[in-house]
N, C-alpha and C. Protein backbone atom coordinates (compact mmCIF):
# COMPACT_ATOMS: atom_id res chain seq x y z
N UNK A 1 1.94 -10.31 22.91
CA UNK A 1 1.83 -11.69 22.37
C UNK A 1 2.56 -11.28 20.98
N UNK A 2 3.48 -12.50 20.74
CA UNK A 2 3.80 -12.45 19.26
C UNK A 2 2.97 -13.68 18.52
N UNK A 3 2.60 -13.47 16.91
CA UNK A 3 1.84 -14.27 16.36
C UNK A 3 2.96 -14.72 15.20
N UNK A 4 4.31 -14.39 15.50
CA UNK A 4 5.01 -15.12 14.13
C UNK A 4 5.24 -14.26 13.14
N UNK A 5 4.62 -13.31 13.14
CA UNK A 5 4.28 -12.24 11.67
C UNK A 5 4.89 -10.94 12.11
N UNK A 6 5.62 -10.29 11.42
CA UNK A 6 6.68 -8.94 11.80
C UNK A 6 5.49 -7.81 11.93
N UNK A 7 5.66 -7.17 12.91
CA UNK A 7 4.85 -6.19 13.32
C UNK A 7 4.78 -5.02 11.98
N UNK A 8 3.61 -4.66 11.84
CA UNK A 8 3.46 -3.65 10.38
C UNK A 8 2.97 -2.44 11.01
N UNK A 9 3.36 -1.35 10.80
CA UNK A 9 3.16 -0.14 11.37
C UNK A 9 1.89 0.06 10.87
N UNK A 10 1.03 0.88 10.99
CA UNK A 10 -0.26 1.63 10.99
C UNK A 10 -0.09 2.21 9.44
N UNK A 11 0.66 2.76 9.35
CA UNK A 11 1.04 3.84 8.09
C UNK A 11 1.31 2.42 6.62
N UNK A 12 2.07 1.63 6.95
CA UNK A 12 2.29 0.49 6.18
C UNK A 12 0.93 -0.25 5.67
N UNK A 13 0.44 -0.65 7.02
CA UNK A 13 -1.05 -1.29 6.53
C UNK A 13 -1.79 -0.62 5.76
N UNK A 14 -2.18 1.06 5.89
CA UNK A 14 -2.95 1.84 5.21
C UNK A 14 -2.36 1.72 3.86
N UNK A 15 -1.27 2.21 3.91
CA UNK A 15 -0.71 1.84 2.31
C UNK A 15 -1.08 0.71 1.50
N UNK A 16 -0.82 -0.50 2.20
CA UNK A 16 -1.16 -1.62 1.69
C UNK A 16 -2.93 -1.70 1.17
N UNK A 17 -3.29 -1.53 2.03
CA UNK A 17 -4.91 -1.38 1.55
C UNK A 17 -5.29 -0.51 0.57
N UNK A 18 -5.19 0.87 0.72
CA UNK A 18 -5.42 1.75 -0.07
C UNK A 18 -4.82 1.38 -1.67
N UNK A 19 -3.47 0.84 -1.55
CA UNK A 19 -2.61 0.98 -3.14
C UNK A 19 -3.78 -0.43 -3.76
N UNK A 20 -3.87 -1.56 -3.33
CA UNK A 20 -4.80 -2.47 -3.60
C UNK A 20 -6.11 -2.07 -4.16
N UNK A 21 -6.75 -1.36 -3.35
CA UNK A 21 -7.74 -0.64 -3.36
C UNK A 21 -8.04 0.08 -4.87
N UNK A 22 -7.22 1.13 -5.08
CA UNK A 22 -6.84 2.03 -5.74
C UNK A 22 -6.89 1.50 -7.04
N UNK A 23 -5.83 0.65 -7.16
CA UNK A 23 -5.32 -0.47 -8.45
C UNK A 23 -6.71 -1.28 -8.90
N UNK A 24 -7.59 -1.78 -7.78
CA UNK A 24 -8.54 -2.54 -8.31
C UNK A 24 -9.87 -1.83 -8.64
N UNK A 25 -9.76 -0.54 -8.35
CA UNK A 25 -11.08 0.24 -8.66
C UNK A 25 -10.67 0.61 -10.25
N UNK A 26 -9.59 0.53 -10.66
CA UNK A 26 -9.27 1.22 -12.02
C UNK A 26 -9.35 -0.40 -13.09
N UNK A 27 -9.64 -1.72 -12.17
CA UNK A 27 -9.37 -2.57 -12.65
C UNK A 27 -8.01 -3.21 -13.39
N UNK A 28 -7.07 -2.57 -12.52
CA UNK A 28 -5.87 -3.21 -13.09
C UNK A 28 -5.07 -4.12 -12.42
N UNK A 29 -4.24 -4.83 -13.27
CA UNK A 29 -3.53 -6.16 -12.20
C UNK A 29 -2.43 -5.61 -11.74
N UNK A 30 -1.58 -5.83 -11.05
CA UNK A 30 -0.61 -5.85 -10.47
C UNK A 30 0.50 -5.43 -11.15
N UNK A 31 0.67 -6.31 -12.46
CA UNK A 31 1.57 -6.18 -13.34
C UNK A 31 1.31 -4.79 -14.15
N UNK A 32 -0.27 -4.47 -14.66
CA UNK A 32 -0.29 -3.04 -15.24
C UNK A 32 0.29 -1.87 -14.46
N UNK A 33 0.05 -2.02 -13.01
CA UNK A 33 0.41 -1.04 -12.33
C UNK A 33 2.03 -0.62 -12.60
N UNK A 34 2.28 -1.72 -12.24
CA UNK A 34 3.96 -1.81 -12.25
C UNK A 34 4.42 -1.51 -13.37
N UNK A 35 4.23 -1.82 -14.41
CA UNK A 35 4.34 -1.21 -15.79
C UNK A 35 4.24 0.28 -15.85
N UNK A 36 3.21 0.42 -15.56
CA UNK A 36 2.98 1.94 -15.59
C UNK A 36 3.48 3.07 -14.89
N UNK A 37 4.05 2.29 -13.57
CA UNK A 37 4.83 2.85 -12.46
C UNK A 37 6.47 2.64 -12.85
N UNK A 38 6.78 2.40 -13.71
CA UNK A 38 7.88 1.75 -13.70
C UNK A 38 8.66 0.99 -12.93
N UNK A 39 7.74 0.18 -12.43
CA UNK A 39 8.37 -0.93 -11.06
C UNK A 39 8.35 -2.19 -11.08
N UNK A 40 9.05 -3.23 -10.45
CA UNK A 40 8.96 -4.75 -10.87
C UNK A 40 7.38 -5.38 -10.44
N UNK A 41 6.54 -6.20 -10.86
CA UNK A 41 5.34 -6.43 -10.57
C UNK A 41 5.33 -7.22 -8.89
N UNK A 42 6.51 -7.76 -9.04
CA UNK A 42 6.24 -8.63 -7.31
C UNK A 42 7.13 -7.43 -6.55
N UNK A 43 7.48 -6.40 -6.67
CA UNK A 43 7.84 -4.97 -5.66
C UNK A 43 6.41 -4.68 -5.28
N UNK A 44 5.34 -4.57 -6.52
CA UNK A 44 4.29 -3.90 -5.84
C UNK A 44 3.69 -4.90 -5.25
N UNK A 45 3.44 -6.06 -5.53
CA UNK A 45 2.90 -7.15 -4.69
C UNK A 45 3.24 -6.97 -3.25
N UNK A 46 4.92 -7.05 -3.19
CA UNK A 46 4.98 -6.98 -2.01
C UNK A 46 4.69 -5.42 -0.78
N UNK A 47 4.68 -4.56 -1.59
CA UNK A 47 3.97 -3.61 -1.08
C UNK A 47 2.46 -3.57 -0.53
N UNK A 48 1.84 -4.28 -1.49
CA UNK A 48 0.36 -4.66 -1.14
C UNK A 48 0.11 -5.50 0.08
N UNK A 49 1.09 -6.09 0.16
CA UNK A 49 0.81 -7.22 1.35
C UNK A 49 1.70 -6.54 2.63
N UNK A 50 2.21 -5.54 2.27
CA UNK A 50 2.76 -4.74 3.83
C UNK A 50 4.14 -5.24 3.93
N UNK A 51 4.53 -6.21 2.93
CA UNK A 51 6.06 -6.68 3.33
C UNK A 51 7.17 -5.63 3.40
N UNK A 52 7.15 -4.54 2.38
CA UNK A 52 8.03 -3.80 2.34
C UNK A 52 7.55 -2.20 2.50
N UNK A 53 8.25 -1.60 2.73
CA UNK A 53 7.85 0.08 2.94
C UNK A 53 8.66 0.72 1.91
N UNK A 54 7.91 1.22 1.06
CA UNK A 54 8.24 1.84 -0.17
C UNK A 54 9.36 2.88 0.09
N UNK A 55 10.13 3.98 -0.65
CA UNK A 55 10.76 5.06 -0.63
C UNK A 55 9.67 6.12 -0.99
N UNK A 56 9.93 7.34 -0.50
CA UNK A 56 9.08 8.43 -1.21
C UNK A 56 9.01 8.33 -2.64
N UNK A 57 10.19 8.06 -3.36
CA UNK A 57 10.19 8.25 -4.87
C UNK A 57 9.24 6.98 -5.41
N UNK A 58 9.24 5.90 -4.45
CA UNK A 58 8.20 5.06 -5.34
C UNK A 58 7.10 5.38 -4.82
N UNK A 59 6.52 5.84 -3.72
CA UNK A 59 5.17 6.36 -3.51
C UNK A 59 4.85 7.13 -4.52
N UNK A 60 5.69 8.35 -4.80
CA UNK A 60 5.43 9.28 -6.11
C UNK A 60 4.93 8.37 -7.41
N UNK A 61 5.92 7.43 -7.68
CA UNK A 61 5.63 7.04 -9.09
C UNK A 61 4.40 6.00 -8.85
N UNK A 62 3.72 5.49 -7.89
CA UNK A 62 2.66 4.83 -7.90
C UNK A 62 1.52 6.14 -7.94
N UNK A 63 1.69 6.92 -7.15
CA UNK A 63 0.33 7.57 -7.11
C UNK A 63 0.28 8.39 -8.46
N UNK A 64 1.29 8.84 -9.35
CA UNK A 64 1.39 9.51 -10.37
C UNK A 64 0.59 8.34 -11.19
N UNK A 65 1.29 7.08 -11.38
CA UNK A 65 0.47 6.10 -12.16
C UNK A 65 -1.12 5.84 -11.95
N UNK A 66 -1.51 5.89 -10.91
CA UNK A 66 -3.09 5.56 -10.34
C UNK A 66 -3.88 7.02 -10.85
N UNK A 67 -3.01 8.12 -10.81
CA UNK A 67 -3.70 9.79 -11.19
C UNK A 67 -4.15 9.92 -9.51
N UNK A 68 -3.46 9.76 -8.53
CA UNK A 68 -4.22 9.97 -7.36
C UNK A 68 -2.76 10.84 -6.59
N UNK A 69 -3.30 11.61 -5.47
CA UNK A 69 -2.11 12.17 -4.65
C UNK A 69 -1.51 11.30 -3.58
N UNK A 70 -0.25 11.48 -3.45
CA UNK A 70 0.43 10.24 -2.68
C UNK A 70 -0.35 10.44 -1.27
N UNK A 71 -0.70 11.23 -1.01
CA UNK A 71 -1.34 11.72 0.41
C UNK A 71 -2.42 10.88 0.42
N UNK A 72 -3.27 10.64 -0.68
CA UNK A 72 -4.46 9.46 -0.39
C UNK A 72 -4.03 8.37 -0.23
N UNK A 73 -2.93 7.86 -0.89
CA UNK A 73 -2.45 6.30 -0.52
C UNK A 73 -1.89 5.98 0.79
N UNK A 74 -1.37 7.00 1.76
CA UNK A 74 -1.07 6.64 3.28
C UNK A 74 -1.87 7.63 4.36
N UNK A 75 -2.97 7.83 3.62
CA UNK A 75 -4.27 8.53 4.91
C UNK A 75 -4.60 7.39 5.58
N UNK A 76 -4.29 7.92 6.95
CA UNK A 76 -4.65 6.88 8.09
C UNK A 76 -6.02 7.51 8.78
N UNK A 77 -6.94 6.82 8.72
CA UNK A 77 -8.48 7.26 9.37
C UNK A 77 -8.42 6.63 10.63
N UNK A 78 -9.24 7.13 11.52
CA UNK A 78 -10.01 6.30 12.35
C UNK A 78 -10.30 5.01 12.66
N UNK A 79 -11.05 4.30 11.81
CA UNK A 79 -11.28 3.03 11.46
C UNK A 79 -9.79 2.14 11.26
N UNK A 80 -8.65 2.90 10.80
CA UNK A 80 -7.23 2.14 10.64
C UNK A 80 -6.56 1.82 11.94
N UNK A 81 -6.83 3.06 12.59
CA UNK A 81 -6.07 3.16 14.15
C UNK A 81 -7.09 1.98 15.00
N UNK A 82 -8.29 2.22 14.77
CA UNK A 82 -9.40 1.18 15.66
C UNK A 82 -8.98 -0.13 15.49
N UNK A 83 -8.70 -0.71 14.20
CA UNK A 83 -8.21 -2.05 13.83
C UNK A 83 -7.03 -2.02 14.38
N UNK A 84 -5.82 -1.52 14.29
CA UNK A 84 -4.59 -1.75 14.84
C UNK A 84 -4.83 -1.95 16.43
N UNK A 85 -5.65 -1.28 16.98
CA UNK A 85 -5.89 -1.42 18.62
C UNK A 85 -6.14 -2.85 18.97
N UNK A 86 -7.36 -3.07 18.04
CA UNK A 86 -8.10 -4.42 17.98
C UNK A 86 -7.06 -5.69 18.24
N UNK A 87 -6.08 -5.58 16.98
CA UNK A 87 -5.31 -6.49 16.31
C UNK A 87 -4.10 -6.76 17.93
N UNK A 88 -3.95 -5.68 18.27
CA UNK A 88 -2.69 -5.39 19.40
C UNK A 88 -2.70 -6.59 20.49
């Protein structure tokens, strides 16, 4: 069944949630994260909404700016997979 939205991969959804959570945990705005990572603010917003899939280079920039491993940003847990099944 189509909901009119583009299907986003489980990895893309996990990245979007973890990026936003990591940024807000630091008390940073999207603008501050983008500036620290050398990215455009609107692009960071697009990643957080799951609208775009960043390159590995961008993922590395974000993880370095946040001070966490890139693997932490793309970690998929059982709860993420369960959410995906419920939404299908």
